[in-house]
PDB file of N, CA and C in Angstrom:
ATOM      1  N   UNK A   1     152.477 109.756 159.437  1.00  0.00           N
ATOM      2  CA  UNK A   1     152.111 109.363 160.779  1.00  0.00           C
ATOM      3  C   UNK A   1     153.313 109.253 161.677  1.00  0.00           C
ATOM      4  N   UNK A   2     154.513 109.154 161.162  1.00  0.00           N
ATOM      5  CA  UNK A   2     155.719 109.051 161.972  1.00  0.00           C
ATOM      6  C   UNK A   2     155.783 110.238 162.934  1.00  0.00           C
ATOM      7  N   UNK A   3     156.177 109.964 164.175  1.00  0.00           N
ATOM      8  CA  UNK A   3     156.265 111.026 165.179  1.00  0.00           C
ATOM      9  C   UNK A   3     157.467 110.772 166.089  1.00  0.00           C
ATOM     10  N   UNK A   4     157.614 111.612 167.055  1.00  0.00           N
ATOM     11  CA  UNK A   4     158.764 111.522 167.942  1.00  0.00           C
ATOM     12  C   UNK A   4     158.734 110.263 168.802  1.00  0.00           C
ATOM     13  N   UNK A   5     157.558 109.678 168.999  1.00  0.00           N
ATOM     14  CA  UNK A   5     157.449 108.487 169.864  1.00  0.00           C
ATOM     15  C   UNK A   5     157.767 107.191 169.156  1.00  0.00           C
ATOM     16  N   UNK A   6     157.549 107.107 167.853  1.00  0.00           N
ATOM     17  CA  UNK A   6     157.768 105.863 167.096  1.00  0.00           C
ATOM     18  C   UNK A   6     158.458 106.216 165.786  1.00  0.00           C
ATOM     19  N   UNK A   7     159.556 105.498 165.528  1.00  0.00           N
ATOM     20  CA  UNK A   7     160.338 105.716 164.292  1.00  0.00           C
ATOM     21  C   UNK A   7     160.575 104.375 163.618  1.00  0.00           C
ATOM     22  N   UNK A   8     160.878 104.423 162.326  1.00  0.00           N
ATOM     23  CA  UNK A   8     161.235 103.220 161.593  1.00  0.00           C
ATOM     24  C   UNK A   8     162.438 102.600 162.310  1.00  0.00           C
ATOM     25  N   UNK A   9     162.368 101.298 162.548  1.00  0.00           N
ATOM     26  CA  UNK A   9     163.445 100.602 163.250  1.00  0.00           C
ATOM     27  C   UNK A   9     163.121 100.311 164.712  1.00  0.00           C
ATOM     28  N   UNK A  10     162.130 101.001 165.278  1.00  0.00           N
ATOM     29  CA  UNK A  10     161.757 100.741 166.668  1.00  0.00           C
ATOM     30  C   UNK A  10     161.232  99.319 166.819  1.00  0.00           C
ATOM     31  N   UNK A  11     161.512  98.711 167.960  1.00  0.00           N
ATOM     32  CA  UNK A  11     161.103  97.354 168.252  1.00  0.00           C
ATOM     33  C   UNK A  11     159.954  97.372 169.281  1.00  0.00           C
ATOM     34  N   UNK A  12     158.975  96.523 169.054  1.00  0.00           N
ATOM     35  CA  UNK A  12     157.862  96.350 169.978  1.00  0.00           C
ATOM     36  C   UNK A  12     157.895  94.928 170.515  1.00  0.00           C
ATOM     37  N   UNK A  13     157.494  94.758 171.767  1.00  0.00           N
ATOM     38  CA  UNK A  13     157.430  93.421 172.371  1.00  0.00           C
ATOM     39  C   UNK A  13     156.018  93.131 172.836  1.00  0.00           C
ATOM     40  N   UNK A  14     155.724  91.847 172.856  1.00  0.00           N
ATOM     41  CA  UNK A  14     154.386  91.403 173.221  1.00  0.00           C
ATOM     42  C   UNK A  14     154.504  90.127 174.036  1.00  0.00           C
ATOM     43  N   UNK A  15     153.955  90.108 175.255  1.00  0.00           N
ATOM     44  CA  UNK A  15     153.932  88.885 176.026  1.00  0.00           C
ATOM     45  C   UNK A  15     152.498  88.390 176.104  1.00  0.00           C
ATOM     46  N   UNK A  16     152.321  87.090 175.920  1.00  0.00           N
ATOM     47  CA  UNK A  16     150.999  86.504 175.905  1.00  0.00           C
ATOM     48  C   UNK A  16     151.091  85.037 176.301  1.00  0.00           C
ATOM     49  N   UNK A  17     149.928  84.454 176.610  1.00  0.00           N
ATOM     50  CA  UNK A  17     149.881  83.026 176.888  1.00  0.00           C
ATOM     51  C   UNK A  17     148.961  82.721 178.045  1.00  0.00           C
ATOM     52  N   UNK A  18     148.546  81.485 178.117  1.00  0.00           N
ATOM     53  CA  UNK A  18     147.721  80.982 179.218  1.00  0.00           C
ATOM     54  C   UNK A  18     148.504  79.795 179.815  1.00  0.00           C
ATOM     55  N   UNK A  19     148.839  79.887 181.080  1.00  0.00           N
ATOM     56  CA  UNK A  19     149.617  78.849 181.762  1.00  0.00           C
ATOM     57  C   UNK A  19     151.083  78.851 181.299  1.00  0.00           C
ATOM     58  N   UNK A  20     151.482  79.875 180.593  1.00  0.00           N
ATOM     59  CA  UNK A  20     152.851  80.031 180.116  1.00  0.00           C
ATOM     60  C   UNK A  20     152.996  81.459 179.628  1.00  0.00           C
ATOM     61  N   UNK A  21     154.209  81.933 179.464  1.00  0.00           N
ATOM     62  CA  UNK A  21     154.427  83.262 178.921  1.00  0.00           C
ATOM     63  C   UNK A  21     155.258  83.131 177.642  1.00  0.00           C
ATOM     64  N   UNK A  22     154.718  83.646 176.564  1.00  0.00           N
ATOM     65  CA  UNK A  22     155.408  83.691 175.264  1.00  0.00           C
ATOM     66  C   UNK A  22     155.763  85.137 174.963  1.00  0.00           C
ATOM     67  N   UNK A  23     156.879  85.369 174.322  1.00  0.00           N
ATOM     68  CA  UNK A  23     157.303  86.699 173.929  1.00  0.00           C
ATOM     69  C   UNK A  23     157.434  86.748 172.407  1.00  0.00           C
ATOM     70  N   UNK A  24     156.820  87.759 171.803  1.00  0.00           N
ATOM     71  CA  UNK A  24     156.989  88.021 170.380  1.00  0.00           C
ATOM     72  C   UNK A  24     157.554  89.438 170.203  1.00  0.00           C
ATOM     73  N   UNK A  25     158.360  89.615 169.172  1.00  0.00           N
ATOM     74  CA  UNK A  25     158.934  90.924 168.862  1.00  0.00           C
ATOM     75  C   UNK A  25     158.517  91.332 167.464  1.00  0.00           C
ATOM     76  N   UNK A  26     158.353  92.640 167.288  1.00  0.00           N
ATOM     77  CA  UNK A  26     157.981  93.228 166.001  1.00  0.00           C
ATOM     78  C   UNK A  26     158.824  94.465 165.756  1.00  0.00           C
ATOM     79  N   UNK A  27     159.075  94.753 164.465  1.00  0.00           N
ATOM     80  CA  UNK A  27     159.894  95.908 164.101  1.00  0.00           C
ATOM     81  C   UNK A  27     159.080  96.840 163.198  1.00  0.00           C
ATOM     82  N   UNK A  28     159.080  98.118 163.529  1.00  0.00           N
ATOM     83  CA  UNK A  28     158.435  99.110 162.669  1.00  0.00           C
ATOM     84  C   UNK A  28     159.249  99.305 161.407  1.00  0.00           C
ATOM     85  N   UNK A  29     158.601  99.162 160.234  1.00  0.00           N
ATOM     86  CA  UNK A  29     159.273  99.307 158.960  1.00  0.00           C
ATOM     87  C   UNK A  29     158.751 100.448 158.112  1.00  0.00           C
ATOM     88  N   UNK A  30     157.752 101.160 158.603  1.00  0.00           N
ATOM     89  CA  UNK A  30     157.230 102.283 157.850  1.00  0.00           C
ATOM     90  C   UNK A  30     155.861 102.708 158.347  1.00  0.00           C
ATOM     91  N   UNK A  31     155.288 103.656 157.617  1.00  0.00           N
ATOM     92  CA  UNK A  31     154.004 104.233 157.999  1.00  0.00           C
ATOM     93  C   UNK A  31     153.173 104.514 156.764  1.00  0.00           C
ATOM     94  N   UNK A  32     151.840 104.440 156.942  1.00  0.00           N
ATOM     95  CA  UNK A  32     150.914 104.970 155.960  1.00  0.00           C
ATOM     96  C   UNK A  32     150.256 106.162 156.651  1.00  0.00           C
ATOM     97  N   UNK A  33     149.262 106.751 156.036  1.00  0.00           N
ATOM     98  CA  UNK A  33     148.586 107.898 156.692  1.00  0.00           C
ATOM     99  C   UNK A  33     147.947 107.508 158.016  1.00  0.00           C
ATOM    100  N   UNK A  34     147.435 106.282 158.101  1.00  0.00           N
ATOM    101  CA  UNK A  34     146.689 105.890 159.302  1.00  0.00           C
ATOM    102  C   UNK A  34     147.326 104.751 160.117  1.00  0.00           C
ATOM    103  N   UNK A  35     148.300 104.065 159.535  1.00  0.00           N
ATOM    104  CA  UNK A  35     148.814 102.868 160.177  1.00  0.00           C
ATOM    105  C   UNK A  35     150.349 102.848 160.266  1.00  0.00           C
ATOM    106  N   UNK A  36     150.833 102.042 161.229  1.00  0.00           N
ATOM    107  CA  UNK A  36     152.250 101.715 161.276  1.00  0.00           C
ATOM    108  C   UNK A  36     152.416 100.373 160.555  1.00  0.00           C
ATOM    109  N   UNK A  37     153.461 100.226 159.764  1.00  0.00           N
ATOM    110  CA  UNK A  37     153.763  98.958 159.125  1.00  0.00           C
ATOM    111  C   UNK A  37     154.847  98.251 159.951  1.00  0.00           C
ATOM    112  N   UNK A  38     154.684  96.926 160.113  1.00  0.00           N
ATOM    113  CA  UNK A  38     155.635  96.200 160.962  1.00  0.00           C
ATOM    114  C   UNK A  38     155.850  94.795 160.413  1.00  0.00           C
ATOM    115  N   UNK A  39     156.942  94.184 160.864  1.00  0.00           N
ATOM    116  CA  UNK A  39     157.251  92.779 160.545  1.00  0.00           C
ATOM    117  C   UNK A  39     157.591  92.049 161.847  1.00  0.00           C
ATOM    118  N   UNK A  40     157.431  90.742 161.815  1.00  0.00           N
ATOM    119  CA  UNK A  40     157.764  89.882 162.944  1.00  0.00           C
ATOM    120  C   UNK A  40     159.282  89.698 163.026  1.00  0.00           C
ATOM    121  N   UNK A  41     159.799  89.606 164.256  1.00  0.00           N
ATOM    122  CA  UNK A  41     161.209  89.293 164.497  1.00  0.00           C
ATOM    123  C   UNK A  41     161.219  88.075 165.432  1.00  0.00           C
ATOM    124  N   UNK A  42     162.100  87.105 165.194  1.00  0.00           N
ATOM    125  CA  UNK A  42     162.171  85.956 166.094  1.00  0.00           C
ATOM    126  C   UNK A  42     162.825  86.330 167.395  1.00  0.00           C
ATOM    127  N   UNK A  43     162.776  85.412 168.361  1.00  0.00           N
ATOM    128  CA  UNK A  43     163.411  85.651 169.656  1.00  0.00           C
ATOM    129  C   UNK A  43     164.720  84.890 169.746  1.00  0.00           C
ATOM    130  N   UNK A  44     165.601  85.445 170.542  1.00  0.00           N
ATOM    131  CA  UNK A  44     166.908  84.827 170.792  1.00  0.00           C
ATOM    132  C   UNK A  44     167.086  84.689 172.313  1.00  0.00           C
ATOM    133  N   UNK A  45     167.415  83.482 172.756  1.00  0.00           N
ATOM    134  CA  UNK A  45     167.622  83.268 174.174  1.00  0.00           C
ATOM    135  C   UNK A  45     169.012  83.791 174.551  1.00  0.00           C
ATOM    136  N   UNK A  46     169.066  84.676 175.559  1.00  0.00           N
ATOM    137  CA  UNK A  46     170.349  85.229 175.999  1.00  0.00           C
ATOM    138  C   UNK A  46     170.763  84.684 177.383  1.00  0.00           C
ATOM    139  N   UNK A  47     169.804  84.102 178.084  1.00  0.00           N
ATOM    140  CA  UNK A  47     170.093  83.523 179.385  1.00  0.00           C
ATOM    141  C   UNK A  47     168.958  82.583 179.758  1.00  0.00           C
ATOM    142  N   UNK A  48     169.263  81.607 180.586  1.00  0.00           N
ATOM    143  CA  UNK A  48     168.256  80.630 181.022  1.00  0.00           C
ATOM    144  C   UNK A  48     168.563  80.253 182.461  1.00  0.00           C
ATOM    145  N   UNK A  49     167.516  80.018 183.229  1.00  0.00           N
ATOM    146  CA  UNK A  49     167.749  79.600 184.610  1.00  0.00           C
ATOM    147  C   UNK A  49     167.982  78.088 184.683  1.00  0.00           C
ATOM    148  N   UNK A  50     168.054  77.442 183.532  1.00  0.00           N
ATOM    149  CA  UNK A  50     168.314  76.003 183.500  1.00  0.00           C
ATOM    150  C   UNK A  50     167.092  75.139 183.694  1.00  0.00           C
ATOM    151  N   UNK A  51     165.951  75.798 183.913  1.00  0.00           N
ATOM    152  CA  UNK A  51     164.739  74.986 184.089  1.00  0.00           C
ATOM    153  C   UNK A  51     163.560  75.602 183.353  1.00  0.00           C
ATOM    154  N   UNK A  52     162.816  76.428 184.011  1.00  0.00           N
ATOM    155  CA  UNK A  52     161.523  76.857 183.455  1.00  0.00           C
ATOM    156  C   UNK A  52     161.490  78.217 182.772  1.00  0.00           C
ATOM    157  N   UNK A  53     162.549  79.024 182.890  1.00  0.00           N
ATOM    158  CA  UNK A  53     162.497  80.361 182.342  1.00  0.00           C
ATOM    159  C   UNK A  53     163.686  80.686 181.428  1.00  0.00           C
ATOM    160  N   UNK A  54     163.411  81.389 180.356  1.00  0.00           N
ATOM    161  CA  UNK A  54     164.448  81.901 179.449  1.00  0.00           C
ATOM    162  C   UNK A  54     164.322  83.403 179.359  1.00  0.00           C
ATOM    163  N   UNK A  55     165.474  84.095 179.251  1.00  0.00           N
ATOM    164  CA  UNK A  55     165.479  85.519 178.968  1.00  0.00           C
ATOM    165  C   UNK A  55     165.707  85.682 177.468  1.00  0.00           C
ATOM    166  N   UNK A  56     164.858  86.472 176.820  1.00  0.00           N
ATOM    167  CA  UNK A  56     164.950  86.607 175.364  1.00  0.00           C
ATOM    168  C   UNK A  56     165.036  88.052 174.936  1.00  0.00           C
ATOM    169  N   UNK A  57     165.629  88.261 173.749  1.00  0.00           N
ATOM    170  CA  UNK A  57     165.724  89.544 173.084  1.00  0.00           C
ATOM    171  C   UNK A  57     165.371  89.311 171.611  1.00  0.00           C
ATOM    172  N   UNK A  58     165.207  90.355 170.829  1.00  0.00           N
ATOM    173  CA  UNK A  58     164.949  90.160 169.399  1.00  0.00           C
ATOM    174  C   UNK A  58     166.094  89.406 168.751  1.00  0.00           C
ATOM    175  N   UNK A  59     165.773  88.466 167.870  1.00  0.00           N
ATOM    176  CA  UNK A  59     166.767  87.684 167.168  1.00  0.00           C
ATOM    177  C   UNK A  59     167.185  88.315 165.863  1.00  0.00           C
ATOM    178  N   UNK A  60     167.851  87.534 165.007  1.00  0.00           N
ATOM    179  CA  UNK A  60     168.351  88.005 163.734  1.00  0.00           C
ATOM    180  C   UNK A  60     167.339  87.889 162.602  1.00  0.00           C
ATOM    181  N   UNK A  61     166.433  86.916 162.725  1.00  0.00           N
ATOM    182  CA  UNK A  61     165.481  86.701 161.629  1.00  0.00           C
ATOM    183  C   UNK A  61     164.388  87.775 161.639  1.00  0.00           C
ATOM    184  N   UNK A  62     164.201  88.418 160.517  1.00  0.00           N
ATOM    185  CA  UNK A  62     163.130  89.401 160.349  1.00  0.00           C
ATOM    186  C   UNK A  62     162.206  88.882 159.263  1.00  0.00           C
ATOM    187  N   UNK A  63     160.928  88.774 159.600  1.00  0.00           N
ATOM    188  CA  UNK A  63     159.958  88.292 158.649  1.00  0.00           C
ATOM    189  C   UNK A  63     159.834  89.183 157.435  1.00  0.00           C
ATOM    190  N   UNK A  64     159.361  88.605 156.349  1.00  0.00           N
ATOM    191  CA  UNK A  64     159.208  89.352 155.082  1.00  0.00           C
ATOM    192  C   UNK A  64     157.793  89.907 154.924  1.00  0.00           C
ATOM    193  N   UNK A  65     156.811  89.273 155.596  1.00  0.00           N
ATOM    194  CA  UNK A  65     155.420  89.722 155.456  1.00  0.00           C
ATOM    195  C   UNK A  65     155.199  91.014 156.247  1.00  0.00           C
ATOM    196  N   UNK A  66     154.877  92.057 155.539  1.00  0.00           N
ATOM    197  CA  UNK A  66     154.620  93.351 156.188  1.00  0.00           C
ATOM    198  C   UNK A  66     153.154  93.448 156.558  1.00  0.00           C
ATOM    199  N   UNK A  67     152.918  93.757 157.801  1.00  0.00           N
ATOM    200  CA  UNK A  67     151.553  93.926 158.325  1.00  0.00           C
ATOM    201  C   UNK A  67     151.369  95.377 158.710  1.00  0.00           C
ATOM    202  N   UNK A  68     150.155  95.729 159.048  1.00  0.00           N
ATOM    203  CA  UNK A  68     149.920  97.104 159.495  1.00  0.00           C
ATOM    204  C   UNK A  68     148.966  97.102 160.677  1.00  0.00           C
ATOM    205  N   UNK A  69     149.123  98.108 161.512  1.00  0.00           N
ATOM    206  CA  UNK A  69     148.287  98.231 162.691  1.00  0.00           C
ATOM    207  C   UNK A  69     148.157  99.703 163.065  1.00  0.00           C
ATOM    208  N   UNK A  70     147.047 100.029 163.691  1.00  0.00           N
ATOM    209  CA  UNK A  70     146.842 101.369 164.174  1.00  0.00           C
ATOM    210  C   UNK A  70     147.520 101.525 165.539  1.00  0.00           C
ATOM    211  N   UNK A  71     148.374 102.512 165.666  1.00  0.00           N
ATOM    212  CA  UNK A  71     149.006 102.777 166.952  1.00  0.00           C
ATOM    213  C   UNK A  71     148.004 103.426 167.923  1.00  0.00           C
ATOM    214  N   UNK A  72     148.018 102.976 169.155  1.00  0.00           N
ATOM    215  CA  UNK A  72     147.175 103.525 170.195  1.00  0.00           C
ATOM    216  C   UNK A  72     148.088 103.868 171.369  1.00  0.00           C
ATOM    217  N   UNK A  73     147.795 104.976 172.043  1.00  0.00           N
ATOM    218  CA  UNK A  73     148.620 105.410 173.147  1.00  0.00           C
ATOM    219  C   UNK A  73     147.877 105.227 174.467  1.00  0.00           C
ATOM    220  N   UNK A  74     148.475 104.456 175.393  1.00  0.00           N
ATOM    221  CA  UNK A  74     147.974 104.332 176.756  1.00  0.00           C
ATOM    222  C   UNK A  74     149.041 104.850 177.684  1.00  0.00           C
ATOM    223  N   UNK A  75     148.651 105.770 178.560  1.00  0.00           N
ATOM    224  CA  UNK A  75     149.629 106.393 179.462  1.00  0.00           C
ATOM    225  C   UNK A  75     150.827 106.947 178.715  1.00  0.00           C
ATOM    226  N   UNK A  76     150.624 107.449 177.512  1.00  0.00           N
ATOM    227  CA  UNK A  76     151.697 108.033 176.729  1.00  0.00           C
ATOM    228  C   UNK A  76     152.608 107.025 176.027  1.00  0.00           C
ATOM    229  N   UNK A  77     152.320 105.718 176.162  1.00  0.00           N
ATOM    230  CA  UNK A  77     153.142 104.680 175.538  1.00  0.00           C
ATOM    231  C   UNK A  77     152.468 104.154 174.284  1.00  0.00           C
ATOM    232  N   UNK A  78     153.189 104.115 173.174  1.00  0.00           N
ATOM    233  CA  UNK A  78     152.575 103.597 171.948  1.00  0.00           C
ATOM    234  C   UNK A  78     152.476 102.084 171.965  1.00  0.00           C
ATOM    235  N   UNK A  79     151.399 101.558 171.376  1.00  0.00           N
ATOM    236  CA  UNK A  79     151.216 100.127 171.289  1.00  0.00           C
ATOM    237  C   UNK A  79     150.250  99.789 170.169  1.00  0.00           C
ATOM    238  N   UNK A  80     150.127  98.489 169.911  1.00  0.00           N
ATOM    239  CA  UNK A  80     149.173  98.017 168.899  1.00  0.00           C
ATOM    240  C   UNK A  80     148.794  96.562 169.159  1.00  0.00           C
ATOM    241  N   UNK A  81     147.743  96.116 168.517  1.00  0.00           N
ATOM    242  CA  UNK A  81     147.279  94.730 168.662  1.00  0.00           C
ATOM    243  C   UNK A  81     147.744  93.933 167.447  1.00  0.00           C
ATOM    244  N   UNK A  82     148.748  93.074 167.597  1.00  0.00           N
ATOM    245  CA  UNK A  82     149.216  92.280 166.473  1.00  0.00           C
ATOM    246  C   UNK A  82     148.236  91.151 166.115  1.00  0.00           C
ATOM    247  N   UNK A  83     147.331  90.834 167.021  1.00  0.00           N
ATOM    248  CA  UNK A  83     146.298  89.819 166.798  1.00  0.00           C
ATOM    249  C   UNK A  83     145.173  90.066 167.799  1.00  0.00           C
ATOM    250  N   UNK A  84     144.217  89.179 167.889  1.00  0.00           N
ATOM    251  CA  UNK A  84     143.058  89.395 168.739  1.00  0.00           C
ATOM    252  C   UNK A  84     143.303  89.136 170.218  1.00  0.00           C
ATOM    253  N   UNK A  85     144.424  88.515 170.579  1.00  0.00           N
ATOM    254  CA  UNK A  85     144.618  88.117 171.977  1.00  0.00           C
ATOM    255  C   UNK A  85     145.858  88.727 172.625  1.00  0.00           C
ATOM    256  N   UNK A  86     146.481  89.711 171.988  1.00  0.00           N
ATOM    257  CA  UNK A  86     147.716  90.246 172.541  1.00  0.00           C
ATOM    258  C   UNK A  86     147.869  91.734 172.282  1.00  0.00           C
ATOM    259  N   UNK A  87     148.762  92.347 173.033  1.00  0.00           N
ATOM    260  CA  UNK A  87     149.043  93.774 172.891  1.00  0.00           C
ATOM    261  C   UNK A  87     150.568  93.977 172.899  1.00  0.00           C
ATOM    262  N   UNK A  88     151.054  94.704 171.921  1.00  0.00           N
ATOM    263  CA  UNK A  88     152.520  94.959 171.807  1.00  0.00           C
ATOM    264  C   UNK A  88     152.814  96.411 172.176  1.00  0.00           C
ATOM    265  N   UNK A  89     153.843  96.613 172.978  1.00  0.00           N
ATOM    266  CA  UNK A  89     154.262  97.969 173.347  1.00  0.00           C
ATOM    267  C   UNK A  89     155.732  98.145 172.973  1.00  0.00           C
ATOM    268  N   UNK A  90     156.160  99.387 172.916  1.00  0.00           N
ATOM    269  CA  UNK A  90     157.547  99.689 172.546  1.00  0.00           C
ATOM    270  C   UNK A  90     158.482  99.000 173.554  1.00  0.00           C
ATOM    271  N   UNK A  91     159.422  98.219 173.027  1.00  0.00           N
ATOM    272  CA  UNK A  91     160.362  97.456 173.852  1.00  0.00           C
ATOM    273  C   UNK A  91     161.324  98.387 174.566  1.00  0.00           C
ATOM    274  N   UNK A  92     161.624  98.048 175.831  1.00  0.00           N
ATOM    275  CA  UNK A  92     162.515  98.900 176.650  1.00  0.00           C
ATOM    276  C   UNK A  92     163.992  98.543 176.483  1.00  0.00           C
ATOM    277  N   UNK A  93     164.314  97.550 175.644  1.00  0.00           N
ATOM    278  CA  UNK A  93     165.707  97.210 175.383  1.00  0.00           C
ATOM    279  C   UNK A  93     166.286  96.191 176.343  1.00  0.00           C
ATOM    280  N   UNK A  94     165.505  95.775 177.337  1.00  0.00           N
ATOM    281  CA  UNK A  94     166.002  94.795 178.311  1.00  0.00           C
ATOM    282  C   UNK A  94     165.456  93.406 177.982  1.00  0.00           C
ATOM    283  N   UNK A  95     166.241  92.344 178.290  1.00  0.00           N
ATOM    284  CA  UNK A  95     165.744  90.979 178.046  1.00  0.00           C
ATOM    285  C   UNK A  95     164.425  90.748 178.796  1.00  0.00           C
ATOM    286  N   UNK A  96     163.560  89.971 178.174  1.00  0.00           N
ATOM    287  CA  UNK A  96     162.249  89.652 178.750  1.00  0.00           C
ATOM    288  C   UNK A  96     162.188  88.172 179.101  1.00  0.00           C
ATOM    289  N   UNK A  97     161.408  87.842 180.108  1.00  0.00           N
ATOM    290  CA  UNK A  97     161.296  86.471 180.614  1.00  0.00           C
ATOM    291  C   UNK A  97     160.146  85.748 179.944  1.00  0.00           C
ATOM    292  N   UNK A  98     160.424  84.552 179.413  1.00  0.00           N
ATOM    293  CA  UNK A  98     159.380  83.716 178.867  1.00  0.00           C
ATOM    294  C   UNK A  98     159.523  82.279 179.415  1.00  0.00           C
ATOM    295  N   UNK A  99     158.451  81.516 179.310  1.00  0.00           N
ATOM    296  CA  UNK A  99     158.465  80.138 179.754  1.00  0.00           C
ATOM    297  C   UNK A  99     159.343  79.320 178.821  1.00  0.00           C
ATOM    298  N   UNK A 100     160.208  78.514 179.390  1.00  0.00           N
ATOM    299  CA  UNK A 100     161.129  77.692 178.591  1.00  0.00           C
ATOM    300  C   UNK A 100     160.356  76.552 177.910  1.00  0.00           C
ATOM    301  N   UNK A 101     160.889  76.066 176.783  1.00  0.00           N
ATOM    302  CA  UNK A 101     160.250  74.926 176.096  1.00  0.00           C
ATOM    303  C   UNK A 101     160.141  73.718 177.057  1.00  0.00           C
ATOM    304  N   UNK A 102     159.033  73.029 176.993  1.00  0.00           N
ATOM    305  CA  UNK A 102     158.820  71.880 177.866  1.00  0.00           C
ATOM    306  C   UNK A 102     158.107  72.245 179.168  1.00  0.00           C
ATOM    307  N   UNK A 103     157.891  73.519 179.407  1.00  0.00           N
ATOM    308  CA  UNK A 103     157.205  73.966 180.626  1.00  0.00           C
ATOM    309  C   UNK A 103     155.934  74.704 180.277  1.00  0.00           C
ATOM    310  N   UNK A 104     155.174  74.151 179.365  1.00  0.00           N
ATOM    311  CA  UNK A 104     153.890  74.763 178.995  1.00  0.00           C
ATOM    312  C   UNK A 104     153.759  74.995 177.509  1.00  0.00           C
ATOM    313  N   UNK A 105     154.859  74.898 176.768  1.00  0.00           N
ATOM    314  CA  UNK A 105     154.779  75.136 175.297  1.00  0.00           C
ATOM    315  C   UNK A 105     154.299  73.907 174.603  1.00  0.00           C
TER     316      UNK A 105
END
């Protein structure tokens, strides 16, 4: 299933939340015939506005539990549903904004 759009090592990001924004990161670790295999990656704060927002990137911790998901393409961008309430797309490499702890978490 590996193709030019997604390779082992690619990072996916997912923003979700109600009354707050949470960011989750995932890393592609392989493929089966029908699915992409991925693991969770923690977030690392790289900047903060000192109050309600943090800029985050993928952290150093990589989860051990391997999950799988079917890749779907919208507007030519690969993505998948890591759970029932969120959608992950290929990360663009730039820090993402999430709600800081204490402001909705």
